[in-house]
Amino acid sequence: MTDLVPSNAQPDPSPPKGNPKWHKGMKSPNPAGRPKGIGDKRSKLAQRMLEDAGGIVDRMIAQALEGDPQAAQLILSRVMPSLRAQAEKVEFDFDAKGSVTEQAEAVLQAIADGKVAPDVGRQILEGISTLYGIKQIAELEARLQALGEKQ
Protein backbone atom coordinates (compact mmCIF):
# COMPACT_ATOMS: atom_id res chain seq x y z
CA MET A 1 0.00 0.00 0.00
CA THR A 2 1.38 3.43 -0.92
CA ASP A 3 1.38 6.38 1.41
CA LEU A 4 -0.79 9.33 0.39
CA VAL A 5 1.53 11.75 2.19
CA PRO A 6 5.18 11.90 1.08
CA SER A 7 7.69 10.88 3.72
CA ASN A 8 9.44 14.26 3.58
CA ALA A 9 6.21 16.25 4.25
CA GLN A 10 6.28 18.57 7.26
CA PRO A 11 3.34 18.65 9.68
CA ASP A 12 1.26 21.85 9.67
CA PRO A 13 2.82 24.10 12.36
CA SER A 14 -0.36 26.14 12.89
CA PRO A 15 -2.53 25.02 15.81
CA PRO A 16 -5.95 23.54 15.00
CA LYS A 17 -8.83 26.01 14.84
CA GLY A 18 -11.35 26.13 17.67
CA ASN A 19 -11.42 23.97 20.78
CA PRO A 20 -9.47 20.75 20.16
CA LYS A 21 -11.71 18.88 22.65
CA TRP A 22 -14.78 19.48 20.47
CA HIS A 23 -15.50 17.23 17.55
CA LYS A 24 -18.18 16.98 14.90
CA GLY A 25 -21.43 15.47 16.16
CA MET A 26 -20.56 16.09 19.81
CA LYS A 27 -23.37 16.96 22.21
CA SER A 28 -23.43 20.67 23.08
CA PRO A 29 -21.84 21.48 26.45
CA ASN A 30 -24.48 24.21 26.87
CA PRO A 31 -27.73 22.88 25.36
CA ALA A 32 -29.87 25.68 26.84
CA GLY A 33 -27.67 28.36 25.25
CA ARG A 34 -26.88 31.74 26.74
CA PRO A 35 -29.34 32.73 29.48
CA LYS A 36 -31.80 35.50 28.61
CA GLY A 37 -30.89 39.00 29.72
CA ILE A 38 -27.13 38.50 29.77
CA GLY A 39 -25.54 41.12 27.50
CA ASP A 40 -22.01 41.22 26.24
CA LYS A 41 -19.41 43.70 27.42
CA ARG A 42 -19.64 45.87 24.30
CA SER A 43 -23.37 46.46 24.64
CA LYS A 44 -22.97 47.29 28.35
CA LEU A 45 -20.20 49.77 27.54
CA ALA A 46 -22.27 51.36 24.77
CA GLN A 47 -25.23 51.70 27.13
CA ARG A 48 -23.05 53.41 29.76
CA MET A 49 -21.67 55.78 27.14
CA LEU A 50 -25.18 56.70 25.98
CA GLU A 51 -26.24 57.39 29.57
CA ASP A 52 -23.25 59.73 30.09
CA ALA A 53 -23.37 61.37 26.63
CA GLY A 54 -25.53 64.33 27.71
CA GLY A 55 -23.15 65.27 30.52
CA ILE A 56 -20.12 64.92 28.24
CA VAL A 57 -21.67 67.18 25.62
CA ASP A 58 -22.61 69.76 28.26
CA ARG A 59 -19.04 69.72 29.59
CA MET A 60 -17.55 70.11 26.09
CA ILE A 61 -19.86 73.06 25.34
CA ALA A 62 -18.89 74.69 28.63
CA GLN A 63 -15.18 74.25 27.84
CA ALA A 64 -15.69 75.68 24.34
CA LEU A 65 -17.50 78.71 25.80
CA GLU A 66 -14.63 79.20 28.28
CA GLY A 67 -12.24 79.48 25.31
CA ASP A 68 -10.86 75.97 24.85
CA PRO A 69 -10.03 75.87 21.11
CA GLN A 70 -9.95 72.06 20.90
CA ALA A 71 -13.39 71.75 22.45
CA ALA A 72 -14.73 74.47 20.16
CA GLN A 73 -13.25 72.76 17.10
CA LEU A 74 -14.75 69.41 18.11
CA ILE A 75 -18.20 70.90 18.72
CA LEU A 76 -18.19 72.89 15.48
CA SER A 77 -16.96 69.93 13.43
CA ARG A 78 -19.96 67.92 14.61
CA VAL A 79 -22.53 70.68 14.20
CA MET A 80 -21.36 72.33 10.98
CA PRO A 81 -19.89 70.12 8.25
CA SER A 82 -16.74 71.33 6.56
CA LEU A 83 -17.27 73.25 3.37
CA ARG A 84 -16.40 71.54 0.12
CA ALA A 85 -14.58 73.39 -2.58
CA GLN A 86 -16.84 74.15 -5.49
CA ALA A 87 -15.56 74.80 -8.96
CA GLU A 88 -16.71 78.00 -10.61
CA LYS A 89 -18.50 77.95 -13.91
CA VAL A 90 -16.24 78.32 -16.90
CA GLU A 91 -16.93 79.48 -20.43
CA PHE A 92 -14.71 78.79 -23.41
CA ASP A 93 -14.98 77.72 -27.03
CA PHE A 94 -15.87 74.03 -27.06
CA ASP A 95 -17.34 72.02 -29.92
CA ALA A 96 -19.33 69.16 -28.38
CA LYS A 97 -19.80 67.63 -31.84
CA GLY A 98 -16.06 67.70 -32.61
CA SER A 99 -13.69 64.75 -32.38
CA VAL A 100 -12.23 63.72 -29.05
CA THR A 101 -8.86 65.14 -30.07
CA GLU A 102 -10.40 68.51 -30.95
CA GLN A 103 -12.30 68.58 -27.65
CA ALA A 104 -9.16 67.77 -25.64
CA GLU A 105 -7.19 70.43 -27.55
CA ALA A 106 -9.92 73.01 -26.82
CA VAL A 107 -9.75 72.24 -23.09
CA LEU A 108 -5.93 72.38 -23.05
CA GLN A 109 -6.01 75.70 -24.92
CA ALA A 110 -8.53 77.09 -22.41
CA ILE A 111 -6.21 76.04 -19.58
CA ALA A 112 -3.25 77.66 -21.33
CA ASP A 113 -5.24 80.87 -21.88
CA GLY A 114 -6.24 80.98 -18.20
CA LYS A 115 -9.95 80.61 -18.93
CA VAL A 116 -10.10 77.30 -17.07
CA ALA A 117 -8.28 76.31 -13.88
CA PRO A 118 -6.00 73.28 -14.31
CA ASP A 119 -7.95 71.13 -11.82
CA VAL A 120 -11.25 71.97 -13.54
CA GLY A 121 -9.64 71.26 -16.92
CA ARG A 122 -8.54 67.84 -15.64
CA GLN A 123 -12.12 67.07 -14.61
CA ILE A 124 -13.40 68.12 -18.04
CA LEU A 125 -10.79 65.93 -19.76
CA GLU A 126 -11.77 62.98 -17.56
CA GLY A 127 -15.40 63.53 -18.54
CA ILE A 128 -14.48 63.60 -22.23
CA SER A 129 -12.48 60.40 -21.79
CA THR A 130 -15.36 58.66 -20.02
CA LEU A 131 -17.82 59.74 -22.69
CA TYR A 132 -15.47 58.50 -25.42
CA GLY A 133 -15.26 55.10 -23.69
CA ILE A 134 -19.06 54.90 -23.55
CA LYS A 135 -19.28 55.79 -27.25
CA GLN A 136 -16.78 53.04 -28.11
CA ILE A 137 -18.84 50.47 -26.21
CA ALA A 138 -22.03 51.62 -27.98
CA GLU A 139 -20.32 51.33 -31.38
CA LEU A 140 -19.04 47.85 -30.52
CA GLU A 141 -22.55 46.76 -29.47
CA ALA A 142 -23.95 48.10 -32.76
CA ARG A 143 -21.31 46.20 -34.74
CA LEU A 144 -22.01 42.97 -32.86
CA GLN A 145 -25.73 43.38 -33.42
CA ALA A 146 -25.17 43.99 -37.16
CA LEU A 147 -23.00 40.86 -37.36
CA GLY A 148 -25.67 38.87 -35.56
CA GLU A 149 -28.33 40.04 -38.00
CA LYS A 150 -26.19 39.03 -41.01
CA GLN A 151 -25.93 35.45 -39.76
C-alpha atoms as a PDB file:
ATOM      1  CA  MET A   1       0.000   0.000   0.000  1.00  0.00           C
ATOM      2  CA  THR A   2       1.382   3.431  -0.925  1.00  0.00           C
ATOM      3  CA  ASP A   3       1.377   6.377   1.406  1.00  0.00           C
ATOM      4  CA  LEU A   4      -0.786   9.329   0.393  1.00  0.00           C
ATOM      5  CA  VAL A   5       1.532  11.746   2.193  1.00  0.00           C
ATOM      6  CA  PRO A   6       5.176  11.899   1.078  1.00  0.00           C
ATOM      7  CA  SER A   7       7.693  10.876   3.723  1.00  0.00           C
ATOM      8  CA  ASN A   8       9.440  14.264   3.585  1.00  0.00           C
ATOM      9  CA  ALA A   9       6.213  16.254   4.251  1.00  0.00           C
ATOM     10  CA  GLN A  10       6.285  18.569   7.257  1.00  0.00           C
ATOM     11  CA  PRO A  11       3.344  18.654   9.683  1.00  0.00           C
ATOM     12  CA  ASP A  12       1.256  21.847   9.666  1.00  0.00           C
ATOM     13  CA  PRO A  13       2.818  24.103  12.359  1.00  0.00           C
ATOM     14  CA  SER A  14      -0.364  26.137  12.888  1.00  0.00           C
ATOM     15  CA  PRO A  15      -2.533  25.018  15.809  1.00  0.00           C
ATOM     16  CA  PRO A  16      -5.947  23.541  15.004  1.00  0.00           C
ATOM     17  CA  LYS A  17      -8.825  26.009  14.844  1.00  0.00           C
ATOM     18  CA  GLY A  18     -11.350  26.128  17.671  1.00  0.00           C
ATOM     19  CA  ASN A  19     -11.416  23.974  20.780  1.00  0.00           C
ATOM     20  CA  PRO A  20      -9.468  20.753  20.158  1.00  0.00           C
ATOM     21  CA  LYS A  21     -11.710  18.884  22.651  1.00  0.00           C
ATOM     22  CA  TRP A  22     -14.780  19.481  20.468  1.00  0.00           C
ATOM     23  CA  HIS A  23     -15.496  17.229  17.549  1.00  0.00           C
ATOM     24  CA  LYS A  24     -18.182  16.976  14.904  1.00  0.00           C
ATOM     25  CA  GLY A  25     -21.432  15.471  16.160  1.00  0.00           C
ATOM     26  CA  MET A  26     -20.558  16.094  19.809  1.00  0.00           C
ATOM     27  CA  LYS A  27     -23.369  16.960  22.212  1.00  0.00           C
ATOM     28  CA  SER A  28     -23.428  20.665  23.079  1.00  0.00           C
ATOM     29  CA  PRO A  29     -21.842  21.476  26.455  1.00  0.00           C
ATOM     30  CA  ASN A  30     -24.482  24.208  26.872  1.00  0.00           C
ATOM     31  CA  PRO A  31     -27.728  22.882  25.361  1.00  0.00           C
ATOM     32  CA  ALA A  32     -29.868  25.679  26.836  1.00  0.00           C
ATOM     33  CA  GLY A  33     -27.671  28.365  25.248  1.00  0.00           C
ATOM     34  CA  ARG A  34     -26.875  31.740  26.739  1.00  0.00           C
ATOM     35  CA  PRO A  35     -29.344  32.734  29.481  1.00  0.00           C
ATOM     36  CA  LYS A  36     -31.800  35.497  28.608  1.00  0.00           C
ATOM     37  CA  GLY A  37     -30.893  38.999  29.717  1.00  0.00           C
ATOM     38  CA  ILE A  38     -27.130  38.501  29.769  1.00  0.00           C
ATOM     39  CA  GLY A  39     -25.542  41.119  27.500  1.00  0.00           C
ATOM     40  CA  ASP A  40     -22.008  41.216  26.243  1.00  0.00           C
ATOM     41  CA  LYS A  41     -19.408  43.696  27.420  1.00  0.00           C
ATOM     42  CA  ARG A  42     -19.643  45.865  24.296  1.00  0.00           C
ATOM     43  CA  SER A  43     -23.365  46.455  24.639  1.00  0.00           C
ATOM     44  CA  LYS A  44     -22.972  47.286  28.349  1.00  0.00           C
ATOM     45  CA  LEU A  45     -20.203  49.768  27.544  1.00  0.00           C
ATOM     46  CA  ALA A  46     -22.268  51.360  24.766  1.00  0.00           C
ATOM     47  CA  GLN A  47     -25.230  51.703  27.127  1.00  0.00           C
ATOM     48  CA  ARG A  48     -23.050  53.406  29.758  1.00  0.00           C
ATOM     49  CA  MET A  49     -21.666  55.783  27.140  1.00  0.00           C
ATOM     50  CA  LEU A  50     -25.177  56.696  25.984  1.00  0.00           C
ATOM     51  CA  GLU A  51     -26.241  57.385  29.567  1.00  0.00           C
ATOM     52  CA  ASP A  52     -23.252  59.732  30.085  1.00  0.00           C
ATOM     53  CA  ALA A  53     -23.375  61.373  26.633  1.00  0.00           C
ATOM     54  CA  GLY A  54     -25.526  64.325  27.706  1.00  0.00           C
ATOM     55  CA  GLY A  55     -23.147  65.269  30.516  1.00  0.00           C
ATOM     56  CA  ILE A  56     -20.120  64.916  28.241  1.00  0.00           C
ATOM     57  CA  VAL A  57     -21.675  67.180  25.617  1.00  0.00           C
ATOM     58  CA  ASP A  58     -22.612  69.760  28.263  1.00  0.00           C
ATOM     59  CA  ARG A  59     -19.040  69.724  29.587  1.00  0.00           C
ATOM     60  CA  MET A  60     -17.548  70.105  26.087  1.00  0.00           C
ATOM     61  CA  ILE A  61     -19.857  73.057  25.340  1.00  0.00           C
ATOM     62  CA  ALA A  62     -18.895  74.691  28.630  1.00  0.00           C
ATOM     63  CA  GLN A  63     -15.185  74.250  27.837  1.00  0.00           C
ATOM     64  CA  ALA A  64     -15.695  75.681  24.343  1.00  0.00           C
ATOM     65  CA  LEU A  65     -17.503  78.714  25.801  1.00  0.00           C
ATOM     66  CA  GLU A  66     -14.626  79.200  28.276  1.00  0.00           C
ATOM     67  CA  GLY A  67     -12.235  79.479  25.312  1.00  0.00           C
ATOM     68  CA  ASP A  68     -10.855  75.970  24.854  1.00  0.00           C
ATOM     69  CA  PRO A  69     -10.031  75.866  21.106  1.00  0.00           C
ATOM     70  CA  GLN A  70      -9.953  72.058  20.898  1.00  0.00           C
ATOM     71  CA  ALA A  71     -13.388  71.755  22.455  1.00  0.00           C
ATOM     72  CA  ALA A  72     -14.732  74.468  20.157  1.00  0.00           C
ATOM     73  CA  GLN A  73     -13.248  72.759  17.104  1.00  0.00           C
ATOM     74  CA  LEU A  74     -14.753  69.412  18.107  1.00  0.00           C
ATOM     75  CA  ILE A  75     -18.199  70.901  18.720  1.00  0.00           C
ATOM     76  CA  LEU A  76     -18.188  72.893  15.481  1.00  0.00           C
ATOM     77  CA  SER A  77     -16.959  69.928  13.429  1.00  0.00           C
ATOM     78  CA  ARG A  78     -19.964  67.917  14.606  1.00  0.00           C
ATOM     79  CA  VAL A  79     -22.530  70.680  14.204  1.00  0.00           C
ATOM     80  CA  MET A  80     -21.363  72.332  10.978  1.00  0.00           C
ATOM     81  CA  PRO A  81     -19.888  70.119   8.250  1.00  0.00           C
ATOM     82  CA  SER A  82     -16.743  71.329   6.562  1.00  0.00           C
ATOM     83  CA  LEU A  83     -17.272  73.246   3.372  1.00  0.00           C
ATOM     84  CA  ARG A  84     -16.400  71.544   0.116  1.00  0.00           C
ATOM     85  CA  ALA A  85     -14.579  73.386  -2.584  1.00  0.00           C
ATOM     86  CA  GLN A  86     -16.839  74.154  -5.492  1.00  0.00           C
ATOM     87  CA  ALA A  87     -15.556  74.801  -8.958  1.00  0.00           C
ATOM     88  CA  GLU A  88     -16.710  77.995 -10.609  1.00  0.00           C
ATOM     89  CA  LYS A  89     -18.505  77.955 -13.914  1.00  0.00           C
ATOM     90  CA  VAL A  90     -16.240  78.317 -16.902  1.00  0.00           C
ATOM     91  CA  GLU A  91     -16.925  79.480 -20.432  1.00  0.00           C
ATOM     92  CA  PHE A  92     -14.706  78.792 -23.413  1.00  0.00           C
ATOM     93  CA  ASP A  93     -14.984  77.717 -27.035  1.00  0.00           C
ATOM     94  CA  PHE A  94     -15.875  74.028 -27.062  1.00  0.00           C
ATOM     95  CA  ASP A  95     -17.339  72.018 -29.919  1.00  0.00           C
ATOM     96  CA  ALA A  96     -19.334  69.164 -28.379  1.00  0.00           C
ATOM     97  CA  LYS A  97     -19.804  67.630 -31.845  1.00  0.00           C
ATOM     98  CA  GLY A  98     -16.058  67.698 -32.608  1.00  0.00           C
ATOM     99  CA  SER A  99     -13.686  64.748 -32.383  1.00  0.00           C
ATOM    100  CA  VAL A 100     -12.232  63.715 -29.053  1.00  0.00           C
ATOM    101  CA  THR A 101      -8.857  65.135 -30.075  1.00  0.00           C
ATOM    102  CA  GLU A 102     -10.400  68.505 -30.951  1.00  0.00           C
ATOM    103  CA  GLN A 103     -12.296  68.581 -27.651  1.00  0.00           C
ATOM    104  CA  ALA A 104      -9.160  67.772 -25.636  1.00  0.00           C
ATOM    105  CA  GLU A 105      -7.193  70.431 -27.547  1.00  0.00           C
ATOM    106  CA  ALA A 106      -9.919  73.006 -26.819  1.00  0.00           C
ATOM    107  CA  VAL A 107      -9.749  72.235 -23.089  1.00  0.00           C
ATOM    108  CA  LEU A 108      -5.934  72.378 -23.048  1.00  0.00           C
ATOM    109  CA  GLN A 109      -6.007  75.697 -24.917  1.00  0.00           C
ATOM    110  CA  ALA A 110      -8.534  77.091 -22.413  1.00  0.00           C
ATOM    111  CA  ILE A 111      -6.213  76.038 -19.579  1.00  0.00           C
ATOM    112  CA  ALA A 112      -3.254  77.658 -21.325  1.00  0.00           C
ATOM    113  CA  ASP A 113      -5.237  80.872 -21.884  1.00  0.00           C
ATOM    114  CA  GLY A 114      -6.235  80.981 -18.204  1.00  0.00           C
ATOM    115  CA  LYS A 115      -9.948  80.612 -18.931  1.00  0.00           C
ATOM    116  CA  VAL A 116     -10.101  77.297 -17.069  1.00  0.00           C
ATOM    117  CA  ALA A 117      -8.276  76.311 -13.881  1.00  0.00           C
ATOM    118  CA  PRO A 118      -5.996  73.276 -14.306  1.00  0.00           C
ATOM    119  CA  ASP A 119      -7.952  71.132 -11.823  1.00  0.00           C
ATOM    120  CA  VAL A 120     -11.248  71.969 -13.542  1.00  0.00           C
ATOM    121  CA  GLY A 121      -9.637  71.259 -16.920  1.00  0.00           C
ATOM    122  CA  ARG A 122      -8.540  67.843 -15.639  1.00  0.00           C
ATOM    123  CA  GLN A 123     -12.117  67.072 -14.606  1.00  0.00           C
ATOM    124  CA  ILE A 124     -13.402  68.124 -18.037  1.00  0.00           C
ATOM    125  CA  LEU A 125     -10.791  65.931 -19.756  1.00  0.00           C
ATOM    126  CA  GLU A 126     -11.770  62.977 -17.556  1.00  0.00           C
ATOM    127  CA  GLY A 127     -15.398  63.533 -18.535  1.00  0.00           C
ATOM    128  CA  ILE A 128     -14.475  63.603 -22.226  1.00  0.00           C
ATOM    129  CA  SER A 129     -12.478  60.400 -21.786  1.00  0.00           C
ATOM    130  CA  THR A 130     -15.360  58.664 -20.019  1.00  0.00           C
ATOM    131  CA  LEU A 131     -17.818  59.744 -22.690  1.00  0.00           C
ATOM    132  CA  TYR A 132     -15.465  58.503 -25.417  1.00  0.00           C
ATOM    133  CA  GLY A 133     -15.261  55.099 -23.693  1.00  0.00           C
ATOM    134  CA  ILE A 134     -19.055  54.902 -23.551  1.00  0.00           C
ATOM    135  CA  LYS A 135     -19.277  55.793 -27.248  1.00  0.00           C
ATOM    136  CA  GLN A 136     -16.777  53.045 -28.106  1.00  0.00           C
ATOM    137  CA  ILE A 137     -18.843  50.475 -26.212  1.00  0.00           C
ATOM    138  CA  ALA A 138     -22.027  51.624 -27.976  1.00  0.00           C
ATOM    139  CA  GLU A 139     -20.316  51.333 -31.381  1.00  0.00           C
ATOM    140  CA  LEU A 140     -19.041  47.847 -30.516  1.00  0.00           C
ATOM    141  CA  GLU A 141     -22.547  46.760 -29.466  1.00  0.00           C
ATOM    142  CA  ALA A 142     -23.945  48.098 -32.757  1.00  0.00           C
ATOM    143  CA  ARG A 143     -21.309  46.199 -34.743  1.00  0.00           C
ATOM    144  CA  LEU A 144     -22.008  42.975 -32.859  1.00  0.00           C
ATOM    145  CA  GLN A 145     -25.730  43.380 -33.420  1.00  0.00           C
ATOM    146  CA  ALA A 146     -25.168  43.985 -37.156  1.00  0.00           C
ATOM    147  CA  LEU A 147     -23.001  40.861 -37.355  1.00  0.00           C
ATOM    148  CA  GLY A 148     -25.672  38.865 -35.556  1.00  0.00           C
ATOM    149  CA  GLU A 149     -28.333  40.038 -38.002  1.00  0.00           C
ATOM    150  CA  LYS A 150     -26.188  39.027 -41.014  1.00  0.00           C
ATOM    151  CA  GLN A 151     -25.929  35.446 -39.765  1.00  0.00           C
END
